[in-house]
Amino acid sequence: MRFPFNQHLFSQRLRSIRDEMGLTQAALAYEAGIGGSQVSNFELGKAEPTASTLCKLSVRLGVSTDYLCGLSDNRGCVEEACHES
């Protein structure tokens, strides 16, 4: 199932938040529990995350999935979301 998604905003926001947090791509991938090259591919617009990966990234970065996907300009606050995944 495809979910609403803005690739350009996702790529920009992912990199911006990662940089703000002082994380390397490898560190974010490790801490989010995803493949090492995925963060690079997402930031370059070469790949789109699955819903599960999007949840993992949003939890680690502390922003809503809607914000990462470009559906909202409100970063939101994520604490318990997606932990069942």
Protein backbone atom coordinates (compact mmCIF):
# COMPACT_ATOMS: atom_id res chain seq x y z
CA MET A 1 0.00 0.00 0.00
CA ARG A 2 1.35 3.40 -0.97
CA PHE A 3 1.11 6.27 1.50
CA PRO A 4 1.13 10.04 0.85
CA PHE A 5 4.71 11.13 0.32
CA ASN A 6 6.74 14.10 -0.90
CA GLN A 7 10.18 12.72 -1.85
CA HIS A 8 11.86 16.11 -2.10
CA LEU A 9 10.69 17.32 1.32
CA PHE A 10 11.43 13.94 2.90
CA SER A 11 15.01 14.02 1.62
CA GLN A 12 15.53 17.62 2.77
CA ARG A 13 13.98 17.14 6.18
CA LEU A 14 15.76 13.87 6.88
CA ARG A 15 19.15 15.43 6.19
CA SER A 16 18.38 18.66 8.02
CA ILE A 17 17.22 16.94 11.21
CA ARG A 18 20.08 14.43 11.07
CA ASP A 19 22.57 17.30 10.74
CA GLU A 20 20.89 19.25 13.60
CA MET A 21 21.30 16.19 15.81
CA GLY A 22 24.95 15.76 14.82
CA LEU A 23 24.39 12.24 13.48
CA THR A 24 26.21 10.66 10.59
CA GLN A 25 24.19 8.67 8.08
CA ALA A 26 25.70 5.47 9.47
CA ALA A 27 24.88 6.41 13.06
CA LEU A 28 21.26 7.23 12.20
CA ALA A 29 20.88 3.97 10.29
CA TYR A 30 22.30 1.98 13.20
CA GLU A 31 20.22 3.77 15.84
CA ALA A 32 17.04 3.44 13.77
CA GLY A 33 17.74 -0.22 13.03
CA ILE A 34 17.82 0.11 9.26
CA GLY A 35 20.36 -0.78 6.57
CA GLY A 36 23.52 1.29 6.42
CA SER A 37 23.07 2.66 2.89
CA GLN A 38 19.37 3.44 3.26
CA VAL A 39 19.82 6.88 4.83
CA SER A 40 22.11 7.94 1.98
CA ASN A 41 19.65 6.66 -0.62
CA PHE A 42 16.76 8.47 1.09
CA GLU A 43 18.67 11.74 1.28
CA LEU A 44 19.67 11.50 -2.39
CA GLY A 45 16.08 10.77 -3.42
CA LYS A 46 17.06 7.34 -4.77
CA ALA A 47 14.68 5.38 -2.54
CA GLU A 48 11.46 5.77 -0.58
CA PRO A 49 11.09 4.30 2.90
CA THR A 50 8.59 1.62 3.79
CA ALA A 51 5.99 2.55 6.39
CA SER A 52 7.96 0.59 8.99
CA THR A 53 11.23 2.37 8.16
CA LEU A 54 9.49 5.74 8.20
CA CYS A 55 8.21 4.97 11.71
CA LYS A 56 11.68 3.95 12.88
CA LEU A 57 13.20 7.16 11.54
CA SER A 58 10.50 9.39 13.03
CA VAL A 59 10.85 7.79 16.46
CA ARG A 60 14.65 8.15 16.42
CA LEU A 61 14.51 11.73 15.15
CA GLY A 62 11.64 12.73 17.44
CA VAL A 63 9.38 14.07 14.69
CA SER A 64 6.08 12.96 13.26
CA THR A 65 5.86 10.79 10.17
CA ASP A 66 3.64 13.48 8.63
CA TYR A 67 6.45 16.00 9.05
CA LEU A 68 9.03 13.69 7.49
CA CYS A 69 6.70 12.89 4.57
CA GLY A 70 6.04 16.56 3.88
CA LEU A 71 2.37 16.39 4.88
CA SER A 72 2.74 18.81 7.79
CA ASP A 73 5.02 21.65 8.75
CA ASN A 74 4.57 20.79 12.44
CA ARG A 75 7.42 18.57 13.60
CA GLY A 76 5.25 17.06 16.30
CA CYS A 77 6.60 14.99 19.12
CA VAL A 78 6.87 11.23 18.92
CA GLU A 79 7.30 9.11 22.02
CA GLU A 80 5.41 5.84 21.79
CA ALA A 81 4.34 5.86 18.13
CA CYS A 82 5.28 2.90 15.96
CA HIS A 83 6.76 0.83 18.79
CA GLU A 84 4.46 -2.06 17.88
CA SER A 85 6.10 -2.35 14.44
